[in-house]
PDB file of N, CA and C in Angstrom:
ATOM      1  N   MET A   1       0.849  -1.181   0.000  1.00  0.00           N
ATOM      2  CA  MET A   1       0.000   0.000   0.000  1.00  0.00           C
ATOM      3  C   MET A   1       0.887   1.235   0.000  1.00  0.00           C
ATOM      4  N   ASN A   2       1.044   1.799  -1.138  1.00  0.00           N
ATOM      5  CA  ASN A   2       1.891   2.972  -1.283  1.00  0.00           C
ATOM      6  C   ASN A   2       1.228   4.233  -0.746  1.00  0.00           C
ATOM      7  N   ASN A   3       1.981   5.019   0.003  1.00  0.00           N
ATOM      8  CA  ASN A   3       1.502   6.298   0.518  1.00  0.00           C
ATOM      9  C   ASN A   3       0.256   6.183   1.380  1.00  0.00           C
ATOM     10  N   VAL A   4       0.072   5.054   2.017  1.00  0.00           N
ATOM     11  CA  VAL A   4      -1.049   4.863   2.919  1.00  0.00           C
ATOM     12  C   VAL A   4      -0.522   4.983   4.340  1.00  0.00           C
ATOM     13  N   HIS A   5      -1.241   5.740   5.127  1.00  0.00           N
ATOM     14  CA  HIS A   5      -0.857   5.956   6.524  1.00  0.00           C
ATOM     15  C   HIS A   5      -2.047   5.653   7.419  1.00  0.00           C
ATOM     16  N   LEU A   6      -1.749   5.414   8.672  1.00  0.00           N
ATOM     17  CA  LEU A   6      -2.798   5.278   9.663  1.00  0.00           C
ATOM     18  C   LEU A   6      -3.186   6.678  10.126  1.00  0.00           C
ATOM     19  N   TYR A   7      -4.468   6.968  10.091  1.00  0.00           N
ATOM     20  CA  TYR A   7      -4.981   8.236  10.615  1.00  0.00           C
ATOM     21  C   TYR A   7      -5.914   7.918  11.768  1.00  0.00           C
ATOM     22  N   VAL A   8      -5.759   8.668  12.834  1.00  0.00           N
ATOM     23  CA  VAL A   8      -6.619   8.545  13.999  1.00  0.00           C
ATOM     24  C   VAL A   8      -7.486   9.798  14.054  1.00  0.00           C
ATOM     25  N   PHE A   9      -8.788   9.602  14.126  1.00  0.00           N
ATOM     26  CA  PHE A   9      -9.750  10.695  14.218  1.00  0.00           C
ATOM     27  C   PHE A   9     -10.425  10.627  15.576  1.00  0.00           C
ATOM     28  N   CYS A  10     -10.612  11.771  16.196  1.00  0.00           N
ATOM     29  CA  CYS A  10     -11.369  11.817  17.446  1.00  0.00           C
ATOM     30  C   CYS A  10     -12.245  13.060  17.442  1.00  0.00           C
ATOM     31  N   TYR A  11     -13.320  12.992  18.192  1.00  0.00           N
ATOM     32  CA  TYR A  11     -14.269  14.094  18.193  1.00  0.00           C
ATOM     33  C   TYR A  11     -14.878  14.265  19.579  1.00  0.00           C
ATOM     34  N   ASP A  12     -15.453  15.441  19.799  1.00  0.00           N
ATOM     35  CA  ASP A  12     -16.231  15.714  21.000  1.00  0.00           C
ATOM     36  C   ASP A  12     -17.298  16.730  20.625  1.00  0.00           C
ATOM     37  N   THR A  13     -18.547  16.374  20.844  1.00  0.00           N
ATOM     38  CA  THR A  13     -19.656  17.280  20.573  1.00  0.00           C
ATOM     39  C   THR A  13     -20.767  17.037  21.586  1.00  0.00           C
ATOM     40  N   PRO A  14     -21.406  18.095  22.052  1.00  0.00           N
ATOM     41  CA  PRO A  14     -22.515  17.924  22.987  1.00  0.00           C
ATOM     42  C   PRO A  14     -23.841  17.595  22.296  1.00  0.00           C
ATOM     43  N   ASP A  15     -23.866  17.639  20.964  1.00  0.00           N
ATOM     44  CA  ASP A  15     -25.106  17.498  20.217  1.00  0.00           C
ATOM     45  C   ASP A  15     -25.270  16.078  19.667  1.00  0.00           C
ATOM     46  N   ASP A  16     -26.365  15.413  20.036  1.00  0.00           N
ATOM     47  CA  ASP A  16     -26.593  14.026  19.604  1.00  0.00           C
ATOM     48  C   ASP A  16     -26.700  13.895  18.090  1.00  0.00           C
ATOM     49  N   GLY A  17     -27.357  14.832  17.433  1.00  0.00           N
ATOM     50  CA  GLY A  17     -27.508  14.763  15.982  1.00  0.00           C
ATOM     51  C   GLY A  17     -26.181  14.869  15.255  1.00  0.00           C
ATOM     52  N   ARG A  18     -25.360  15.821  15.662  1.00  0.00           N
ATOM     53  CA  ARG A  18     -24.037  15.962  15.037  1.00  0.00           C
ATOM     54  C   ARG A  18     -23.167  14.751  15.356  1.00  0.00           C
ATOM     55  N   ARG A  19     -23.283  14.245  16.577  1.00  0.00           N
ATOM     56  CA  ARG A  19     -22.511  13.061  16.958  1.00  0.00           C
ATOM     57  C   ARG A  19     -22.873  11.880  16.054  1.00  0.00           C
ATOM     58  N   ARG A  20     -24.162  11.655  15.831  1.00  0.00           N
ATOM     59  CA  ARG A  20     -24.583  10.559  14.954  1.00  0.00           C
ATOM     60  C   ARG A  20     -24.050  10.742  13.536  1.00  0.00           C
ATOM     61  N   ALA A  21     -24.079  11.973  13.029  1.00  0.00           N
ATOM     62  CA  ALA A  21     -23.587  12.243  11.670  1.00  0.00           C
ATOM     63  C   ALA A  21     -22.084  11.968  11.568  1.00  0.00           C
ATOM     64  N   ILE A  22     -21.341  12.376  12.582  1.00  0.00           N
ATOM     65  CA  ILE A  22     -19.891  12.140  12.609  1.00  0.00           C
ATOM     66  C   ILE A  22     -19.602  10.647  12.649  1.00  0.00           C
ATOM     67  N   VAL A  23     -20.307   9.941  13.526  1.00  0.00           N
ATOM     68  CA  VAL A  23     -20.092   8.502  13.671  1.00  0.00           C
ATOM     69  C   VAL A  23     -20.432   7.768  12.375  1.00  0.00           C
ATOM     70  N   ARG A  24     -21.551   8.098  11.756  1.00  0.00           N
ATOM     71  CA  ARG A  24     -21.923   7.435  10.494  1.00  0.00           C
ATOM     72  C   ARG A  24     -20.839   7.622   9.441  1.00  0.00           C
ATOM     73  N   LEU A  25     -20.318   8.830   9.331  1.00  0.00           N
ATOM     74  CA  LEU A  25     -19.275   9.085   8.345  1.00  0.00           C
ATOM     75  C   LEU A  25     -18.014   8.287   8.669  1.00  0.00           C
ATOM     76  N   LEU A  26     -17.563   8.368   9.911  1.00  0.00           N
ATOM     77  CA  LEU A  26     -16.325   7.690  10.282  1.00  0.00           C
ATOM     78  C   LEU A  26     -16.457   6.167  10.222  1.00  0.00           C
ATOM     79  N   GLU A  27     -17.625   5.627  10.547  1.00  0.00           N
ATOM     80  CA  GLU A  27     -17.801   4.176  10.463  1.00  0.00           C
ATOM     81  C   GLU A  27     -17.692   3.672   9.022  1.00  0.00           C
ATOM     82  N   ASP A  28     -17.942   4.545   8.049  1.00  0.00           N
ATOM     83  CA  ASP A  28     -17.817   4.157   6.646  1.00  0.00           C
ATOM     84  C   ASP A  28     -16.370   4.075   6.178  1.00  0.00           C
ATOM     85  N   VAL A  29     -15.453   4.770   6.870  1.00  0.00           N
ATOM     86  CA  VAL A  29     -14.079   4.864   6.369  1.00  0.00           C
ATOM     87  C   VAL A  29     -13.013   4.398   7.352  1.00  0.00           C
ATOM     88  N   ALA A  30     -13.399   4.105   8.590  1.00  0.00           N
ATOM     89  CA  ALA A  30     -12.411   3.777   9.615  1.00  0.00           C
ATOM     90  C   ALA A  30     -13.007   2.789  10.613  1.00  0.00           C
ATOM     91  N   ASP A  31     -12.170   2.288  11.497  1.00  0.00           N
ATOM     92  CA  ASP A  31     -12.590   1.362  12.543  1.00  0.00           C
ATOM     93  C   ASP A  31     -12.690   2.099  13.864  1.00  0.00           C
ATOM     94  N   ARG A  32     -13.755   1.856  14.578  1.00  0.00           N
ATOM     95  CA  ARG A  32     -13.933   2.479  15.891  1.00  0.00           C
ATOM     96  C   ARG A  32     -13.044   1.746  16.884  1.00  0.00           C
ATOM     97  N   VAL A  33     -12.223   2.496  17.615  1.00  0.00           N
ATOM     98  CA  VAL A  33     -11.355   1.884  18.621  1.00  0.00           C
ATOM     99  C   VAL A  33     -11.767   2.277  20.032  1.00  0.00           C
ATOM    100  N   GLN A  34     -12.498   3.354  20.170  1.00  0.00           N
ATOM    101  CA  GLN A  34     -13.119   3.773  21.415  1.00  0.00           C
ATOM    102  C   GLN A  34     -14.370   4.546  21.034  1.00  0.00           C
ATOM    103  N   TYR A  35     -15.130   4.969  22.027  1.00  0.00           N
ATOM    104  CA  TYR A  35     -16.406   5.609  21.733  1.00  0.00           C
ATOM    105  C   TYR A  35     -16.271   6.747  20.723  1.00  0.00           C
ATOM    106  N   SER A  36     -15.331   7.642  20.893  1.00  0.00           N
ATOM    107  CA  SER A  36     -15.192   8.798  19.998  1.00  0.00           C
ATOM    108  C   SER A  36     -13.847   8.813  19.271  1.00  0.00           C
ATOM    109  N   VAL A  37     -13.246   7.632  19.114  1.00  0.00           N
ATOM    110  CA  VAL A  37     -11.945   7.533  18.452  1.00  0.00           C
ATOM    111  C   VAL A  37     -12.022   6.457  17.360  1.00  0.00           C
ATOM    112  N   PHE A  38     -11.562   6.827  16.167  1.00  0.00           N
ATOM    113  CA  PHE A  38     -11.558   5.934  15.013  1.00  0.00           C
ATOM    114  C   PHE A  38     -10.172   5.925  14.402  1.00  0.00           C
ATOM    115  N   GLN A  39      -9.799   4.820  13.774  1.00  0.00           N
ATOM    116  CA  GLN A  39      -8.532   4.757  13.050  1.00  0.00           C
ATOM    117  C   GLN A  39      -8.767   4.099  11.702  1.00  0.00           C
ATOM    118  N   GLY A  40      -8.032   4.590  10.710  1.00  0.00           N
ATOM    119  CA  GLY A  40      -8.187   4.023   9.386  1.00  0.00           C
ATOM    120  C   GLY A  40      -6.939   4.202   8.549  1.00  0.00           C
ATOM    121  N   LEU A  41      -6.670   3.225   7.703  1.00  0.00           N
ATOM    122  CA  LEU A  41      -5.557   3.308   6.763  1.00  0.00           C
ATOM    123  C   LEU A  41      -6.072   3.990   5.502  1.00  0.00           C
ATOM    124  N   MET A  42      -5.417   5.087   5.107  1.00  0.00           N
ATOM    125  CA  MET A  42      -5.847   5.820   3.925  1.00  0.00           C
ATOM    126  C   MET A  42      -4.726   6.700   3.407  1.00  0.00           C
ATOM    127  N   THR A  43      -4.909   7.162   2.186  1.00  0.00           N
ATOM    128  CA  THR A  43      -3.956   8.099   1.602  1.00  0.00           C
ATOM    129  C   THR A  43      -4.241   9.502   2.125  1.00  0.00           C
ATOM    130  N   GLU A  44      -3.328  10.407   1.888  1.00  0.00           N
ATOM    131  CA  GLU A  44      -3.544  11.798   2.292  1.00  0.00           C
ATOM    132  C   GLU A  44      -4.771  12.379   1.587  1.00  0.00           C
ATOM    133  N   GLY A  45      -4.949  12.041   0.326  1.00  0.00           N
ATOM    134  CA  GLY A  45      -6.113  12.531  -0.408  1.00  0.00           C
ATOM    135  C   GLY A  45      -7.426  12.028   0.182  1.00  0.00           C
ATOM    136  N   GLU A  46      -7.447  10.749   0.547  1.00  0.00           N
ATOM    137  CA  GLU A  46      -8.641  10.189   1.185  1.00  0.00           C
ATOM    138  C   GLU A  46      -8.892  10.858   2.526  1.00  0.00           C
ATOM    139  N   ARG A  47      -7.824  11.055   3.301  1.00  0.00           N
ATOM    140  CA  ARG A  47      -7.961  11.731   4.597  1.00  0.00           C
ATOM    141  C   ARG A  47      -8.517  13.142   4.424  1.00  0.00           C
ATOM    142  N   ALA A  48      -8.011  13.867   3.424  1.00  0.00           N
ATOM    143  CA  ALA A  48      -8.469  15.238   3.184  1.00  0.00           C
ATOM    144  C   ALA A  48      -9.954  15.265   2.826  1.00  0.00           C
ATOM    145  N   ALA A  49     -10.389  14.307   2.028  1.00  0.00           N
ATOM    146  CA  ALA A  49     -11.802  14.249   1.651  1.00  0.00           C
ATOM    147  C   ALA A  49     -12.682  13.951   2.867  1.00  0.00           C
ATOM    148  N   VAL A  50     -12.249  13.030   3.713  1.00  0.00           N
ATOM    149  CA  VAL A  50     -12.991  12.715   4.939  1.00  0.00           C
ATOM    150  C   VAL A  50     -13.043  13.947   5.837  1.00  0.00           C
ATOM    151  N   TRP A  51     -11.923  14.625   5.972  1.00  0.00           N
ATOM    152  CA  TRP A  51     -11.843  15.800   6.841  1.00  0.00           C
ATOM    153  C   TRP A  51     -12.814  16.888   6.381  1.00  0.00           C
ATOM    154  N   GLU A  52     -12.856  17.128   5.085  1.00  0.00           N
ATOM    155  CA  GLU A  52     -13.780  18.146   4.558  1.00  0.00           C
ATOM    156  C   GLU A  52     -15.228  17.775   4.863  1.00  0.00           C
ATOM    157  N   ARG A  53     -15.547  16.510   4.697  1.00  0.00           N
ATOM    158  CA  ARG A  53     -16.913  16.054   4.994  1.00  0.00           C
ATOM    159  C   ARG A  53     -17.223  16.181   6.481  1.00  0.00           C
ATOM    160  N   LEU A  54     -16.241  15.883   7.331  1.00  0.00           N
ATOM    161  CA  LEU A  54     -16.445  16.021   8.772  1.00  0.00           C
ATOM    162  C   LEU A  54     -16.665  17.479   9.166  1.00  0.00           C
ATOM    163  N   LEU A  55     -15.882  18.380   8.597  1.00  0.00           N
ATOM    164  CA  LEU A  55     -16.007  19.798   8.942  1.00  0.00           C
ATOM    165  C   LEU A  55     -17.390  20.349   8.601  1.00  0.00           C
ATOM    166  N   GLU A  56     -18.023  19.774   7.591  1.00  0.00           N
ATOM    167  CA  GLU A  56     -19.372  20.197   7.218  1.00  0.00           C
ATOM    168  C   GLU A  56     -20.403  19.781   8.263  1.00  0.00           C
ATOM    169  N   LYS A  57     -20.064  18.828   9.111  1.00  0.00           N
ATOM    170  CA  LYS A  57     -21.022  18.260  10.050  1.00  0.00           C
ATOM    171  C   LYS A  57     -20.923  18.839  11.461  1.00  0.00           C
ATOM    172  N   ILE A  58     -19.913  19.650  11.723  1.00  0.00           N
ATOM    173  CA  ILE A  58     -19.720  20.120  13.100  1.00  0.00           C
ATOM    174  C   ILE A  58     -20.015  21.613  13.237  1.00  0.00           C
ATOM    175  N   ASP A  59     -20.179  22.023  14.476  1.00  0.00           N
ATOM    176  CA  ASP A  59     -20.323  23.436  14.834  1.00  0.00           C
ATOM    177  C   ASP A  59     -18.990  23.847  15.448  1.00  0.00           C
ATOM    178  N   LEU A  60     -18.214  24.621  14.699  1.00  0.00           N
ATOM    179  CA  LEU A  60     -16.861  24.981  15.149  1.00  0.00           C
ATOM    180  C   LEU A  60     -16.840  25.754  16.462  1.00  0.00           C
ATOM    181  N   SER A  61     -17.967  26.342  16.851  1.00  0.00           N
ATOM    182  CA  SER A  61     -17.978  27.120  18.089  1.00  0.00           C
ATOM    183  C   SER A  61     -18.055  26.242  19.338  1.00  0.00           C
ATOM    184  N   VAL A  62     -18.506  24.987  19.197  1.00  0.00           N
ATOM    185  CA  VAL A  62     -18.635  24.127  20.384  1.00  0.00           C
ATOM    186  C   VAL A  62     -18.060  22.722  20.214  1.00  0.00           C
ATOM    187  N   ASP A  63     -17.905  22.256  18.985  1.00  0.00           N
ATOM    188  CA  ASP A  63     -17.423  20.897  18.751  1.00  0.00           C
ATOM    189  C   ASP A  63     -15.910  20.876  18.574  1.00  0.00           C
ATOM    190  N   LYS A  64     -15.317  19.738  18.871  1.00  0.00           N
ATOM    191  CA  LYS A  64     -13.880  19.546  18.693  1.00  0.00           C
ATOM    192  C   LYS A  64     -13.673  18.328  17.814  1.00  0.00           C
ATOM    193  N   LEU A  65     -12.806  18.475  16.823  1.00  0.00           N
ATOM    194  CA  LEU A  65     -12.501  17.398  15.900  1.00  0.00           C
ATOM    195  C   LEU A  65     -11.000  17.416  15.651  1.00  0.00           C
ATOM    196  N   CYS A  66     -10.363  16.260  15.756  1.00  0.00           N
ATOM    197  CA  CYS A  66      -8.911  16.165  15.560  1.00  0.00           C
ATOM    198  C   CYS A  66      -8.588  14.951  14.704  1.00  0.00           C
ATOM    199  N   TYR A  67      -7.447  15.024  14.010  1.00  0.00           N
ATOM    200  CA  TYR A  67      -6.905  13.835  13.362  1.00  0.00           C
ATOM    201  C   TYR A  67      -5.400  13.831  13.586  1.00  0.00           C
ATOM    202  N   PHE A  68      -4.842  12.627  13.584  1.00  0.00           N
ATOM    203  CA  PHE A  68      -3.414  12.438  13.779  1.00  0.00           C
ATOM    204  C   PHE A  68      -2.920  11.464  12.727  1.00  0.00           C
ATOM    205  N   LYS A  69      -1.823  11.782  12.091  1.00  0.00           N
ATOM    206  CA  LYS A  69      -1.207  10.911  11.097  1.00  0.00           C
ATOM    207  C   LYS A  69      -0.109  10.109  11.787  1.00  0.00           C
ATOM    208  N   CYS A  70      -0.145   8.795  11.615  1.00  0.00           N
ATOM    209  CA  CYS A  70       0.841   7.923  12.238  1.00  0.00           C
ATOM    210  C   CYS A  70       1.632   7.203  11.148  1.00  0.00           C
ATOM    211  N   CYS A  71       2.916   7.445  11.105  1.00  0.00           N
ATOM    212  CA  CYS A  71       3.768   6.760  10.127  1.00  0.00           C
ATOM    213  C   CYS A  71       4.038   5.330  10.608  1.00  0.00           C
ATOM    214  N   SER A  72       4.657   4.526   9.773  1.00  0.00           N
ATOM    215  CA  SER A  72       4.900   3.130  10.130  1.00  0.00           C
ATOM    216  C   SER A  72       5.819   3.008  11.346  1.00  0.00           C
ATOM    217  N   VAL A  73       6.784   3.905  11.483  1.00  0.00           N
ATOM    218  CA  VAL A  73       7.681   3.872  12.647  1.00  0.00           C
ATOM    219  C   VAL A  73       6.896   4.179  13.919  1.00  0.00           C
ATOM    220  N   CYS A  74       6.029   5.182  13.853  1.00  0.00           N
ATOM    221  CA  CYS A  74       5.204   5.522  15.018  1.00  0.00           C
ATOM    222  C   CYS A  74       4.274   4.371  15.384  1.00  0.00           C
ATOM    223  N   ARG A  75       3.714   3.714  14.377  1.00  0.00           N
ATOM    224  CA  ARG A  75       2.814   2.591  14.634  1.00  0.00           C
ATOM    225  C   ARG A  75       3.554   1.464  15.336  1.00  0.00           C
ATOM    226  N   GLN A  76       4.815   1.216  14.951  1.00  0.00           N
ATOM    227  CA  GLN A  76       5.595   0.159  15.588  1.00  0.00           C
ATOM    228  C   GLN A  76       5.874   0.488  17.046  1.00  0.00           C
ATOM    229  N   GLY A  77       5.941   1.760  17.381  1.00  0.00           N
ATOM    230  CA  GLY A  77       6.197   2.174  18.756  1.00  0.00           C
ATOM    231  C   GLY A  77       4.933   2.396  19.561  1.00  0.00           C
ATOM    232  N   SER A  78       3.780   1.985  19.026  1.00  0.00           N
ATOM    233  CA  SER A  78       2.495   2.158  19.704  1.00  0.00           C
ATOM    234  C   SER A  78       1.965   0.807  20.150  1.00  0.00           C
ATOM    235  N   GLY A  79       1.005   0.829  21.054  1.00  0.00           N
ATOM    236  CA  GLY A  79       0.449  -0.429  21.524  1.00  0.00           C
ATOM    237  C   GLY A  79      -0.971  -0.267  22.022  1.00  0.00           C
ATOM    238  N   THR A  80      -1.595  -1.398  22.293  1.00  0.00           N
ATOM    239  CA  THR A  80      -2.944  -1.428  22.838  1.00  0.00           C
ATOM    240  C   THR A  80      -2.974  -2.361  24.038  1.00  0.00           C
ATOM    241  N   SER A  81      -3.970  -2.194  24.881  1.00  0.00           N
ATOM    242  CA  SER A  81      -4.066  -3.030  26.085  1.00  0.00           C
ATOM    243  C   SER A  81      -4.359  -4.485  25.757  1.00  0.00           C
ATOM    244  N   ASP A  82      -4.948  -4.742  24.579  1.00  0.00           N
ATOM    245  CA  ASP A  82      -5.262  -6.131  24.221  1.00  0.00           C
ATOM    246  C   ASP A  82      -4.186  -6.780  23.352  1.00  0.00           C
ATOM    247  N   GLY A  83      -3.076  -6.081  23.140  1.00  0.00           N
ATOM    248  CA  GLY A  83      -1.963  -6.651  22.409  1.00  0.00           C
ATOM    249  C   GLY A  83      -2.082  -6.614  20.898  1.00  0.00           C
ATOM    250  N   GLN A  84      -3.175  -6.060  20.381  1.00  0.00           N
ATOM    251  CA  GLN A  84      -3.351  -5.961  18.937  1.00  0.00           C
ATOM    252  C   GLN A  84      -2.412  -4.901  18.377  1.00  0.00           C
ATOM    253  N   ALA A  85      -1.970  -5.100  17.157  1.00  0.00           N
ATOM    254  CA  ALA A  85      -1.125  -4.104  16.497  1.00  0.00           C
ATOM    255  C   ALA A  85      -1.962  -2.863  16.197  1.00  0.00           C
ATOM    256  N   VAL A  86      -1.398  -1.702  16.435  1.00  0.00           N
ATOM    257  CA  VAL A  86      -2.103  -0.452  16.178  1.00  0.00           C
ATOM    258  C   VAL A  86      -2.185  -0.236  14.673  1.00  0.00           C
ATOM    259  N   GLY A  87      -3.408  -0.086  14.174  1.00  0.00           N
ATOM    260  CA  GLY A  87      -3.608   0.182  12.761  1.00  0.00           C
ATOM    261  C   GLY A  87      -3.321  -0.976  11.844  1.00  0.00           C
ATOM    262  N   ALA A  88      -3.325  -2.182  12.385  1.00  0.00           N
ATOM    263  CA  ALA A  88      -3.039  -3.352  11.551  1.00  0.00           C
ATOM    264  C   ALA A  88      -4.149  -3.549  10.529  1.00  0.00           C
ATOM    265  N   GLU A  89      -3.748  -3.991   9.361  1.00  0.00           N
ATOM    266  CA  GLU A  89      -4.741  -4.331   8.347  1.00  0.00           C
ATOM    267  C   GLU A  89      -5.430  -5.613   8.787  1.00  0.00           C
ATOM    268  N   PRO A  90      -6.702  -5.755   8.443  1.00  0.00           N
ATOM    269  CA  PRO A  90      -7.410  -6.984   8.828  1.00  0.00           C
ATOM    270  C   PRO A  90      -6.723  -8.218   8.225  1.00  0.00           C
ATOM    271  N   ALA A  91      -6.767  -9.307   8.974  1.00  0.00           N
ATOM    272  CA  ALA A  91      -6.183 -10.564   8.488  1.00  0.00           C
ATOM    273  C   ALA A  91      -7.008 -11.127   7.342  1.00  0.00           C
ATOM    274  N   TYR A  92      -8.295 -10.758   7.286  1.00  0.00           N
ATOM    275  CA  TYR A  92      -9.180 -11.216   6.221  1.00  0.00           C
ATOM    276  C   TYR A  92     -10.293 -10.190   6.034  1.00  0.00           C
ATOM    277  N   TRP A  93     -10.963 -10.261   4.915  1.00  0.00           N
ATOM    278  CA  TRP A  93     -12.099  -9.381   4.604  1.00  0.00           C
ATOM    279  C   TRP A  93     -13.330 -10.237   4.385  1.00  0.00           C
ATOM    280  N   LEU A  94     -14.454  -9.826   4.902  1.00  0.00           N
ATOM    281  CA  LEU A  94     -15.716 -10.501   4.616  1.00  0.00           C
ATOM    282  C   LEU A  94     -16.336  -9.848   3.401  1.00  0.00           C
ATOM    283  N   VAL A  95     -16.696 -10.650   2.436  1.00  0.00           N
ATOM    284  CA  VAL A  95     -17.272 -10.116   1.203  1.00  0.00           C
ATOM    285  C   VAL A  95     -18.684 -10.641   1.036  1.00  0.00           C
TER     286      VAL A  95
END
């Protein structure tokens, strides 16, 4: 996967409607790792498109939205409490 990086997205909003819209969008492109945290392998262009769509769904005066780019070296130095590799590609796909 050339030029693909792990991106971590997180959000905070007091509004249930905006929260649902954010979650629906992120569930389409990333894996939920905690209630308001998602991670997904994507190119910079894909990340930019997701980010633009997310910005359309939030109220900048009260909502918080962040993303973090993790390179392969950073991913190797990261961990989870259940021992899973951070940002690992699925071992298989259901079709």
